[in-house]
Amino acid sequence: MSQDEHVDCSQALYRMSEYLDGEMTTEDAHEIARHLTECAPCLEEHEREQIIKQIIRRSCARETAPTQLRTTIMQRITTICDDGSWAEVTQVRRVSDG
């Protein structure tokens, strides 16, 4: 997003999980934050999703997947490469628990 662009509701809602998980660029996060200060319905959705993530985190904190299941899942995850082709993930970054 450029400085001149303003986030609309569809963009804010589409990228809400990315925003909550801290997976956006600083510039994009600021744009979403600005939209949330100006849009009560999107702010309500943000708060709702934040609560859901907290409940899930609390509920699942004690459960861990068996090692073999985790290994199998990670081996099957694919991603779109820069050139648009599909490739198997060879490295996985840890997403913050935040």
PDB file of N, CA and C in Angstrom:
ATOM      1  N   MET A   1       0.838  -1.182   0.000  1.00  0.00           N
ATOM      2  CA  MET A   1       0.000   0.000   0.000  1.00  0.00           C
ATOM      3  C   MET A   1       0.878   1.237   0.000  1.00  0.00           C
ATOM      4  N   SER A   2       0.526   2.198  -0.779  1.00  0.00           N
ATOM      5  CA  SER A   2       1.302   3.426  -0.805  1.00  0.00           C
ATOM      6  C   SER A   2       0.723   4.417   0.203  1.00  0.00           C
ATOM      7  N   GLN A   3       1.486   5.433   0.497  1.00  0.00           N
ATOM      8  CA  GLN A   3       1.050   6.451   1.450  1.00  0.00           C
ATOM      9  C   GLN A   3      -0.252   7.113   1.007  1.00  0.00           C
ATOM     10  N   ASP A   4      -0.451   7.242  -0.316  1.00  0.00           N
ATOM     11  CA  ASP A   4      -1.623   7.930  -0.836  1.00  0.00           C
ATOM     12  C   ASP A   4      -2.886   7.072  -0.786  1.00  0.00           C
ATOM     13  N   GLU A   5      -2.733   5.761  -0.667  1.00  0.00           N
ATOM     14  CA  GLU A   5      -3.884   4.865  -0.646  1.00  0.00           C
ATOM     15  C   GLU A   5      -4.470   4.784   0.751  1.00  0.00           C
ATOM     16  N   HIS A   6      -5.783   4.687   0.803  1.00  0.00           N
ATOM     17  CA  HIS A   6      -6.448   4.468   2.071  1.00  0.00           C
ATOM     18  C   HIS A   6      -7.056   3.076   2.044  1.00  0.00           C
ATOM     19  N   VAL A   7      -7.001   2.402   3.158  1.00  0.00           N
ATOM     20  CA  VAL A   7      -7.547   1.063   3.265  1.00  0.00           C
ATOM     21  C   VAL A   7      -9.060   1.159   3.316  1.00  0.00           C
ATOM     22  N   ASP A   8      -9.739   0.326   2.526  1.00  0.00           N
ATOM     23  CA  ASP A   8     -11.196   0.275   2.657  1.00  0.00           C
ATOM     24  C   ASP A   8     -11.554  -0.931   3.526  1.00  0.00           C
ATOM     25  N   CYS A   9     -12.828  -1.052   3.849  1.00  0.00           N
ATOM     26  CA  CYS A   9     -13.269  -2.114   4.762  1.00  0.00           C
ATOM     27  C   CYS A   9     -12.933  -3.504   4.231  1.00  0.00           C
ATOM     28  N   SER A  10     -13.122  -3.726   2.941  1.00  0.00           N
ATOM     29  CA  SER A  10     -12.853  -5.064   2.402  1.00  0.00           C
ATOM     30  C   SER A  10     -11.377  -5.418   2.551  1.00  0.00           C
ATOM     31  N   GLN A  11     -10.481  -4.460   2.334  1.00  0.00           N
ATOM     32  CA  GLN A  11      -9.052  -4.721   2.516  1.00  0.00           C
ATOM     33  C   GLN A  11      -8.727  -4.977   3.987  1.00  0.00           C
ATOM     34  N   ALA A  12      -9.287  -4.159   4.861  1.00  0.00           N
ATOM     35  CA  ALA A  12      -9.019  -4.297   6.292  1.00  0.00           C
ATOM     36  C   ALA A  12      -9.489  -5.656   6.800  1.00  0.00           C
ATOM     37  N   LEU A  13     -10.680  -6.056   6.409  1.00  0.00           N
ATOM     38  CA  LEU A  13     -11.218  -7.338   6.873  1.00  0.00           C
ATOM     39  C   LEU A  13     -10.456  -8.510   6.272  1.00  0.00           C
ATOM     40  N   TYR A  14     -10.083  -8.392   5.008  1.00  0.00           N
ATOM     41  CA  TYR A  14      -9.337  -9.460   4.340  1.00  0.00           C
ATOM     42  C   TYR A  14      -7.979  -9.689   4.997  1.00  0.00           C
ATOM     43  N   ARG A  15      -7.357  -8.613   5.457  1.00  0.00           N
ATOM     44  CA  ARG A  15      -6.005  -8.713   6.009  1.00  0.00           C
ATOM     45  C   ARG A  15      -5.964  -8.707   7.537  1.00  0.00           C
ATOM     46  N   MET A  16      -7.136  -8.841   8.178  1.00  0.00           N
ATOM     47  CA  MET A  16      -7.217  -8.740   9.638  1.00  0.00           C
ATOM     48  C   MET A  16      -6.341  -9.775  10.351  1.00  0.00           C
ATOM     49  N   SER A  17      -6.373 -11.024   9.929  1.00  0.00           N
ATOM     50  CA  SER A  17      -5.550 -12.045  10.592  1.00  0.00           C
ATOM     51  C   SER A  17      -4.069 -11.730  10.448  1.00  0.00           C
ATOM     52  N   GLU A  18      -3.701 -11.300   9.272  1.00  0.00           N
ATOM     53  CA  GLU A  18      -2.315 -10.916   9.024  1.00  0.00           C
ATOM     54  C   GLU A  18      -1.904  -9.771   9.964  1.00  0.00           C
ATOM     55  N   TYR A  19      -2.804  -8.825  10.163  1.00  0.00           N
ATOM     56  CA  TYR A  19      -2.567  -7.698  11.066  1.00  0.00           C
ATOM     57  C   TYR A  19      -2.440  -8.183  12.510  1.00  0.00           C
ATOM     58  N   LEU A  20      -3.388  -9.001  12.940  1.00  0.00           N
ATOM     59  CA  LEU A  20      -3.372  -9.493  14.322  1.00  0.00           C
ATOM     60  C   LEU A  20      -2.153 -10.364  14.614  1.00  0.00           C
ATOM     61  N   ASP A  21      -1.679 -11.077  13.606  1.00  0.00           N
ATOM     62  CA  ASP A  21      -0.528 -11.965  13.794  1.00  0.00           C
ATOM     63  C   ASP A  21       0.809 -11.254  13.626  1.00  0.00           C
ATOM     64  N   GLY A  22       0.772  -9.953  13.321  1.00  0.00           N
ATOM     65  CA  GLY A  22       2.012  -9.199  13.163  1.00  0.00           C
ATOM     66  C   GLY A  22       2.801  -9.604  11.932  1.00  0.00           C
ATOM     67  N   GLU A  23       2.102 -10.000  10.870  1.00  0.00           N
ATOM     68  CA  GLU A  23       2.764 -10.492   9.665  1.00  0.00           C
ATOM     69  C   GLU A  23       2.712  -9.492   8.508  1.00  0.00           C
ATOM     70  N   MET A  24       2.522  -8.217   8.804  1.00  0.00           N
ATOM     71  CA  MET A  24       2.460  -7.177   7.775  1.00  0.00           C
ATOM     72  C   MET A  24       3.706  -6.312   7.847  1.00  0.00           C
ATOM     73  N   THR A  25       3.915  -5.580   6.773  1.00  0.00           N
ATOM     74  CA  THR A  25       4.962  -4.562   6.833  1.00  0.00           C
ATOM     75  C   THR A  25       4.500  -3.486   7.809  1.00  0.00           C
ATOM     76  N   THR A  26       5.429  -2.733   8.320  1.00  0.00           N
ATOM     77  CA  THR A  26       5.095  -1.654   9.256  1.00  0.00           C
ATOM     78  C   THR A  26       4.140  -0.664   8.603  1.00  0.00           C
ATOM     79  N   GLU A  27       4.402  -0.330   7.346  1.00  0.00           N
ATOM     80  CA  GLU A  27       3.559   0.626   6.630  1.00  0.00           C
ATOM     81  C   GLU A  27       2.122   0.114   6.504  1.00  0.00           C
ATOM     82  N   ASP A  28       1.968  -1.152   6.111  1.00  0.00           N
ATOM     83  CA  ASP A  28       0.623  -1.718   5.969  1.00  0.00           C
ATOM     84  C   ASP A  28      -0.091  -1.798   7.316  1.00  0.00           C
ATOM     85  N   ALA A  29       0.646  -2.159   8.361  1.00  0.00           N
ATOM     86  CA  ALA A  29       0.050  -2.233   9.699  1.00  0.00           C
ATOM     87  C   ALA A  29      -0.453  -0.868  10.147  1.00  0.00           C
ATOM     88  N   HIS A  30       0.300   0.186   9.834  1.00  0.00           N
ATOM     89  CA  HIS A  30      -0.130   1.547  10.183  1.00  0.00           C
ATOM     90  C   HIS A  30      -1.396   1.915   9.427  1.00  0.00           C
ATOM     91  N   GLU A  31      -1.484   1.508   8.167  1.00  0.00           N
ATOM     92  CA  GLU A  31      -2.675   1.805   7.368  1.00  0.00           C
ATOM     93  C   GLU A  31      -3.907   1.100   7.941  1.00  0.00           C
ATOM     94  N   ILE A  32      -3.759  -0.155   8.342  1.00  0.00           N
ATOM     95  CA  ILE A  32      -4.877  -0.889   8.942  1.00  0.00           C
ATOM     96  C   ILE A  32      -5.254  -0.238  10.270  1.00  0.00           C
ATOM     97  N   ALA A  33      -4.248   0.088  11.083  1.00  0.00           N
ATOM     98  CA  ALA A  33      -4.511   0.732  12.373  1.00  0.00           C
ATOM     99  C   ALA A  33      -5.253   2.048  12.185  1.00  0.00           C
ATOM    100  N   ARG A  34      -4.860   2.816  11.187  1.00  0.00           N
ATOM    101  CA  ARG A  34      -5.531   4.081  10.909  1.00  0.00           C
ATOM    102  C   ARG A  34      -6.992   3.822  10.520  1.00  0.00           C
ATOM    103  N   HIS A  35      -7.212   2.818   9.689  1.00  0.00           N
ATOM    104  CA  HIS A  35      -8.582   2.490   9.287  1.00  0.00           C
ATOM    105  C   HIS A  35      -9.419   2.102  10.508  1.00  0.00           C
ATOM    106  N   LEU A  36      -8.826   1.323  11.409  1.00  0.00           N
ATOM    107  CA  LEU A  36      -9.569   0.876  12.594  1.00  0.00           C
ATOM    108  C   LEU A  36      -9.965   2.050  13.492  1.00  0.00           C
ATOM    109  N   THR A  37      -9.168   3.107  13.500  1.00  0.00           N
ATOM    110  CA  THR A  37      -9.532   4.270  14.318  1.00  0.00           C
ATOM    111  C   THR A  37     -10.689   5.046  13.705  1.00  0.00           C
ATOM    112  N   GLU A  38     -10.908   4.846  12.415  1.00  0.00           N
ATOM    113  CA  GLU A  38     -11.949   5.594  11.704  1.00  0.00           C
ATOM    114  C   GLU A  38     -13.204   4.783  11.401  1.00  0.00           C
ATOM    115  N   CYS A  39     -13.176   3.475  11.645  1.00  0.00           N
ATOM    116  CA  CYS A  39     -14.273   2.611  11.209  1.00  0.00           C
ATOM    117  C   CYS A  39     -14.730   1.699  12.347  1.00  0.00           C
ATOM    118  N   ALA A  40     -15.830   2.040  12.967  1.00  0.00           N
ATOM    119  CA  ALA A  40     -16.331   1.262  14.108  1.00  0.00           C
ATOM    120  C   ALA A  40     -16.655  -0.195  13.754  1.00  0.00           C
ATOM    121  N   PRO A  41     -17.303  -0.493  12.608  1.00  0.00           N
ATOM    122  CA  PRO A  41     -17.591  -1.894  12.286  1.00  0.00           C
ATOM    123  C   PRO A  41     -16.315  -2.740  12.138  1.00  0.00           C
ATOM    124  N   CYS A  42     -15.290  -2.188  11.510  1.00  0.00           N
ATOM    125  CA  CYS A  42     -14.036  -2.938  11.367  1.00  0.00           C
ATOM    126  C   CYS A  42     -13.335  -3.092  12.713  1.00  0.00           C
ATOM    127  N   LEU A  43     -13.418  -2.071  13.556  1.00  0.00           N
ATOM    128  CA  LEU A  43     -12.838  -2.166  14.889  1.00  0.00           C
ATOM    129  C   LEU A  43     -13.534  -3.257  15.694  1.00  0.00           C
ATOM    130  N   GLU A  44     -14.847  -3.360  15.571  1.00  0.00           N
ATOM    131  CA  GLU A  44     -15.590  -4.427  16.249  1.00  0.00           C
ATOM    132  C   GLU A  44     -15.138  -5.800  15.764  1.00  0.00           C
ATOM    133  N   GLU A  45     -14.954  -5.935  14.459  1.00  0.00           N
ATOM    134  CA  GLU A  45     -14.471  -7.208  13.901  1.00  0.00           C
ATOM    135  C   GLU A  45     -13.072  -7.514  14.396  1.00  0.00           C
ATOM    136  N   HIS A  46     -12.214  -6.497  14.467  1.00  0.00           N
ATOM    137  CA  HIS A  46     -10.858  -6.657  14.989  1.00  0.00           C
ATOM    138  C   HIS A  46     -10.902  -7.182  16.423  1.00  0.00           C
ATOM    139  N   GLU A  47     -11.738  -6.571  17.254  1.00  0.00           N
ATOM    140  CA  GLU A  47     -11.849  -6.994  18.650  1.00  0.00           C
ATOM    141  C   GLU A  47     -12.396  -8.412  18.751  1.00  0.00           C
ATOM    142  N   ARG A  48     -13.376  -8.739  17.913  1.00  0.00           N
ATOM    143  CA  ARG A  48     -13.966 -10.082  17.908  1.00  0.00           C
ATOM    144  C   ARG A  48     -12.908 -11.128  17.529  1.00  0.00           C
ATOM    145  N   GLU A  49     -12.155 -10.864  16.485  1.00  0.00           N
ATOM    146  CA  GLU A  49     -11.122 -11.809  16.060  1.00  0.00           C
ATOM    147  C   GLU A  49     -10.011 -11.927  17.091  1.00  0.00           C
ATOM    148  N   GLN A  50      -9.699 -10.820  17.739  1.00  0.00           N
ATOM    149  CA  GLN A  50      -8.677 -10.843  18.780  1.00  0.00           C
ATOM    150  C   GLN A  50      -9.125 -11.743  19.944  1.00  0.00           C
ATOM    151  N   ILE A  51     -10.374 -11.636  20.341  1.00  0.00           N
ATOM    152  CA  ILE A  51     -10.920 -12.464  21.428  1.00  0.00           C
ATOM    153  C   ILE A  51     -10.911 -13.934  21.024  1.00  0.00           C
ATOM    154  N   ILE A  52     -11.319 -14.219  19.798  1.00  0.00           N
ATOM    155  CA  ILE A  52     -11.333 -15.607  19.317  1.00  0.00           C
ATOM    156  C   ILE A  52      -9.926 -16.188  19.347  1.00  0.00           C
ATOM    157  N   LYS A  53      -8.941 -15.425  18.882  1.00  0.00           N
ATOM    158  CA  LYS A  53      -7.558 -15.907  18.903  1.00  0.00           C
ATOM    159  C   LYS A  53      -7.084 -16.167  20.338  1.00  0.00           C
ATOM    160  N   GLN A  54      -7.464 -15.300  21.274  1.00  0.00           N
ATOM    161  CA  GLN A  54      -7.078 -15.496  22.667  1.00  0.00           C
ATOM    162  C   GLN A  54      -7.708 -16.763  23.241  1.00  0.00           C
ATOM    163  N   ILE A  55      -8.981 -16.985  22.934  1.00  0.00           N
ATOM    164  CA  ILE A  55      -9.675 -18.186  23.425  1.00  0.00           C
ATOM    165  C   ILE A  55      -9.021 -19.437  22.865  1.00  0.00           C
ATOM    166  N   ILE A  56      -8.746 -19.424  21.574  1.00  0.00           N
ATOM    167  CA  ILE A  56      -8.108 -20.583  20.946  1.00  0.00           C
ATOM    168  C   ILE A  56      -6.736 -20.816  21.545  1.00  0.00           C
ATOM    169  N   ARG A  57      -5.971 -19.755  21.720  1.00  0.00           N
ATOM    170  CA  ARG A  57      -4.627 -19.884  22.287  1.00  0.00           C
ATOM    171  C   ARG A  57      -4.696 -20.496  23.690  1.00  0.00           C
ATOM    172  N   ARG A  58      -5.638 -20.003  24.516  1.00  0.00           N
ATOM    173  CA  ARG A  58      -5.793 -20.546  25.875  1.00  0.00           C
ATOM    174  C   ARG A  58      -6.247 -21.999  25.842  1.00  0.00           C
ATOM    175  N   SER A  59      -7.191 -22.296  24.972  1.00  0.00           N
ATOM    176  CA  SER A  59      -7.766 -23.634  24.911  1.00  0.00           C
ATOM    177  C   SER A  59      -6.787 -24.664  24.371  1.00  0.00           C
ATOM    178  N   CYS A  60      -5.921 -24.240  23.492  1.00  0.00           N
ATOM    179  CA  CYS A  60      -5.017 -25.181  22.836  1.00  0.00           C
ATOM    180  C   CYS A  60      -3.614 -25.169  23.429  1.00  0.00           C
ATOM    181  N   ALA A  61      -3.393 -24.346  24.399  1.00  0.00           N
ATOM    182  CA  ALA A  61      -2.046 -24.205  24.951  1.00  0.00           C
ATOM    183  C   ALA A  61      -1.522 -25.505  25.552  1.00  0.00           C
ATOM    184  N   ARG A  62      -2.415 -26.319  26.050  1.00  0.00           N
ATOM    185  CA  ARG A  62      -1.990 -27.559  26.705  1.00  0.00           C
ATOM    186  C   ARG A  62      -1.844 -28.720  25.731  1.00  0.00           C
ATOM    187  N   GLU A  63      -2.376 -28.575  24.542  1.00  0.00           N
ATOM    188  CA  GLU A  63      -2.355 -29.658  23.569  1.00  0.00           C
ATOM    189  C   GLU A  63      -1.231 -29.453  22.559  1.00  0.00           C
ATOM    190  N   THR A  64      -0.481 -30.505  22.287  1.00  0.00           N
ATOM    191  CA  THR A  64       0.511 -30.444  21.227  1.00  0.00           C
ATOM    192  C   THR A  64       0.284 -31.622  20.290  1.00  0.00           C
ATOM    193  N   ALA A  65       0.501 -31.378  19.043  1.00  0.00           N
ATOM    194  CA  ALA A  65       0.343 -32.444  18.054  1.00  0.00           C
ATOM    195  C   ALA A  65       1.497 -33.425  18.198  1.00  0.00           C
ATOM    196  N   PRO A  66       1.228 -34.701  17.952  1.00  0.00           N
ATOM    197  CA  PRO A  66       2.318 -35.692  17.980  1.00  0.00           C
ATOM    198  C   PRO A  66       3.395 -35.313  16.963  1.00  0.00           C
ATOM    199  N   THR A  67       4.625 -35.630  17.278  1.00  0.00           N
ATOM    200  CA  THR A  67       5.759 -35.269  16.432  1.00  0.00           C
ATOM    201  C   THR A  67       5.584 -35.757  14.998  1.00  0.00           C
ATOM    202  N   GLN A  68       5.140 -36.999  14.827  1.00  0.00           N
ATOM    203  CA  GLN A  68       4.978 -37.542  13.477  1.00  0.00           C
ATOM    204  C   GLN A  68       3.933 -36.756  12.685  1.00  0.00           C
ATOM    205  N   LEU A  69       2.830 -36.366  13.328  1.00  0.00           N
ATOM    206  CA  LEU A  69       1.806 -35.584  12.653  1.00  0.00           C
ATOM    207  C   LEU A  69       2.364 -34.226  12.237  1.00  0.00           C
ATOM    208  N   ARG A  70       3.064 -33.570  13.133  1.00  0.00           N
ATOM    209  CA  ARG A  70       3.660 -32.272  12.816  1.00  0.00           C
ATOM    210  C   ARG A  70       4.633 -32.393  11.650  1.00  0.00           C
ATOM    211  N   THR A  71       5.455 -33.428  11.657  1.00  0.00           N
ATOM    212  CA  THR A  71       6.419 -33.647  10.579  1.00  0.00           C
ATOM    213  C   THR A  71       5.710 -33.868   9.248  1.00  0.00           C
ATOM    214  N   THR A  72       4.669 -34.697   9.258  1.00  0.00           N
ATOM    215  CA  THR A  72       3.913 -34.979   8.043  1.00  0.00           C
ATOM    216  C   THR A  72       3.264 -33.711   7.486  1.00  0.00           C
ATOM    217  N   ILE A  73       2.655 -32.937   8.361  1.00  0.00           N
ATOM    218  CA  ILE A  73       2.004 -31.696   7.922  1.00  0.00           C
ATOM    219  C   ILE A  73       3.026 -30.747   7.317  1.00  0.00           C
ATOM    220  N   MET A  74       4.147 -30.560   7.988  1.00  0.00           N
ATOM    221  CA  MET A  74       5.149 -29.632   7.492  1.00  0.00           C
ATOM    222  C   MET A  74       5.716 -30.089   6.152  1.00  0.00           C
ATOM    223  N   GLN A  75       5.819 -31.397   5.936  1.00  0.00           N
ATOM    224  CA  GLN A  75       6.324 -31.906   4.665  1.00  0.00           C
ATOM    225  C   GLN A  75       5.346 -31.650   3.533  1.00  0.00           C
ATOM    226  N   ARG A  76       4.070 -31.561   3.852  1.00  0.00           N
ATOM    227  CA  ARG A  76       3.051 -31.398   2.812  1.00  0.00           C
ATOM    228  C   ARG A  76       2.670 -29.959   2.519  1.00  0.00           C
ATOM    229  N   ILE A  77       3.112 -29.059   3.366  1.00  0.00           N
ATOM    230  CA  ILE A  77       2.784 -27.650   3.146  1.00  0.00           C
ATOM    231  C   ILE A  77       3.512 -27.166   1.894  1.00  0.00           C
ATOM    232  N   THR A  78       2.786 -26.467   1.067  1.00  0.00           N
ATOM    233  CA  THR A  78       3.408 -25.892  -0.127  1.00  0.00           C
ATOM    234  C   THR A  78       3.203 -24.392  -0.123  1.00  0.00           C
ATOM    235  N   THR A  79       3.970 -23.740  -0.919  1.00  0.00           N
ATOM    236  CA  THR A  79       3.869 -22.294  -1.006  1.00  0.00           C
ATOM    237  C   THR A  79       4.085 -21.865  -2.448  1.00  0.00           C
ATOM    238  N   ILE A  80       3.588 -20.713  -2.782  1.00  0.00           N
ATOM    239  CA  ILE A  80       3.823 -20.184  -4.116  1.00  0.00           C
ATOM    240  C   ILE A  80       5.154 -19.445  -4.104  1.00  0.00           C
ATOM    241  N   CYS A  81       6.017 -19.847  -5.001  1.00  0.00           N
ATOM    242  CA  CYS A  81       7.330 -19.196  -5.109  1.00  0.00           C
ATOM    243  C   CYS A  81       7.183 -17.857  -5.809  1.00  0.00           C
ATOM    244  N   ASP A  82       8.221 -17.078  -5.782  1.00  0.00           N
ATOM    245  CA  ASP A  82       8.206 -15.764  -6.424  1.00  0.00           C
ATOM    246  C   ASP A  82       7.823 -15.844  -7.890  1.00  0.00           C
ATOM    247  N   ASP A  83       8.211 -16.910  -8.567  1.00  0.00           N
ATOM    248  CA  ASP A  83       7.905 -17.022  -9.994  1.00  0.00           C
ATOM    249  C   ASP A  83       6.497 -17.566 -10.248  1.00  0.00           C
ATOM    250  N   GLY A  84       5.734 -17.808  -9.183  1.00  0.00           N
ATOM    251  CA  GLY A  84       4.355 -18.262  -9.336  1.00  0.00           C
ATOM    252  C   GLY A  84       4.195 -19.767  -9.365  1.00  0.00           C
ATOM    253  N   SER A  85       5.296 -20.514  -9.376  1.00  0.00           N
ATOM    254  CA  SER A  85       5.181 -21.967  -9.373  1.00  0.00           C
ATOM    255  C   SER A  85       5.040 -22.473  -7.941  1.00  0.00           C
ATOM    256  N   TRP A  86       4.559 -23.674  -7.803  1.00  0.00           N
ATOM    257  CA  TRP A  86       4.403 -24.274  -6.475  1.00  0.00           C
ATOM    258  C   TRP A  86       5.678 -25.010  -6.119  1.00  0.00           C
ATOM    259  N   ALA A  87       6.099 -24.884  -4.893  1.00  0.00           N
ATOM    260  CA  ALA A  87       7.287 -25.589  -4.425  1.00  0.00           C
ATOM    261  C   ALA A  87       7.064 -26.008  -2.987  1.00  0.00           C
ATOM    262  N   GLU A  88       7.680 -27.090  -2.605  1.00  0.00           N
ATOM    263  CA  GLU A  88       7.543 -27.552  -1.232  1.00  0.00           C
ATOM    264  C   GLU A  88       8.354 -26.660  -0.310  1.00  0.00           C
ATOM    265  N   VAL A  89       7.815 -26.397   0.847  1.00  0.00           N
ATOM    266  CA  VAL A  89       8.493 -25.563   1.829  1.00  0.00           C
ATOM    267  C   VAL A  89       9.680 -26.332   2.383  1.00  0.00           C
ATOM    268  N   THR A  90      10.840 -25.689   2.391  1.00  0.00           N
ATOM    269  CA  THR A  90      12.024 -26.340   2.942  1.00  0.00           C
ATOM    270  C   THR A  90      12.428 -25.716   4.267  1.00  0.00           C
ATOM    271  N   GLN A  91      11.978 -24.503   4.512  1.00  0.00           N
ATOM    272  CA  GLN A  91      12.261 -23.847   5.781  1.00  0.00           C
ATOM    273  C   GLN A  91      10.968 -23.286   6.324  1.00  0.00           C
ATOM    274  N   VAL A  92      10.798 -23.364   7.621  1.00  0.00           N
ATOM    275  CA  VAL A  92       9.598 -22.849   8.256  1.00  0.00           C
ATOM    276  C   VAL A  92      10.041 -21.848   9.306  1.00  0.00           C
ATOM    277  N   ARG A  93       9.424 -20.678   9.264  1.00  0.00           N
ATOM    278  CA  ARG A  93       9.747 -19.697  10.294  1.00  0.00           C
ATOM    279  C   ARG A  93       8.730 -19.827  11.408  1.00  0.00           C
ATOM    280  N   ARG A  94       9.141 -19.546  12.582  1.00  0.00           N
ATOM    281  CA  ARG A  94       8.233 -19.603  13.729  1.00  0.00           C
ATOM    282  C   ARG A  94       7.425 -18.317  13.767  1.00  0.00           C
ATOM    283  N   VAL A  95       6.114 -18.450  13.839  1.00  0.00           N
ATOM    284  CA  VAL A  95       5.234 -17.296  13.946  1.00  0.00           C
ATOM    285  C   VAL A  95       5.084 -16.999  15.413  1.00  0.00           C
ATOM    286  N   SER A  96       5.172 -15.730  15.762  1.00  0.00           N
ATOM    287  CA  SER A  96       5.101 -15.350  17.178  1.00  0.00           C
ATOM    288  C   SER A  96       3.776 -15.757  17.790  1.00  0.00           C
ATOM    289  N   ASP A  97       3.800 -16.021  19.073  1.00  0.00           N
ATOM    290  CA  ASP A  97       2.591 -16.419  19.809  1.00  0.00           C
ATOM    291  C   ASP A  97       1.735 -15.215  20.128  1.00  0.00           C
ATOM    292  N   GLY A  98       2.210 -14.011  19.854  1.00  0.00           N
ATOM    293  CA  GLY A  98       1.585 -12.763  20.193  1.00  0.00           C
ATOM    294  C   GLY A  98       0.257 -12.572  19.671  1.00  0.00           C
TER     295      GLY A  98
END
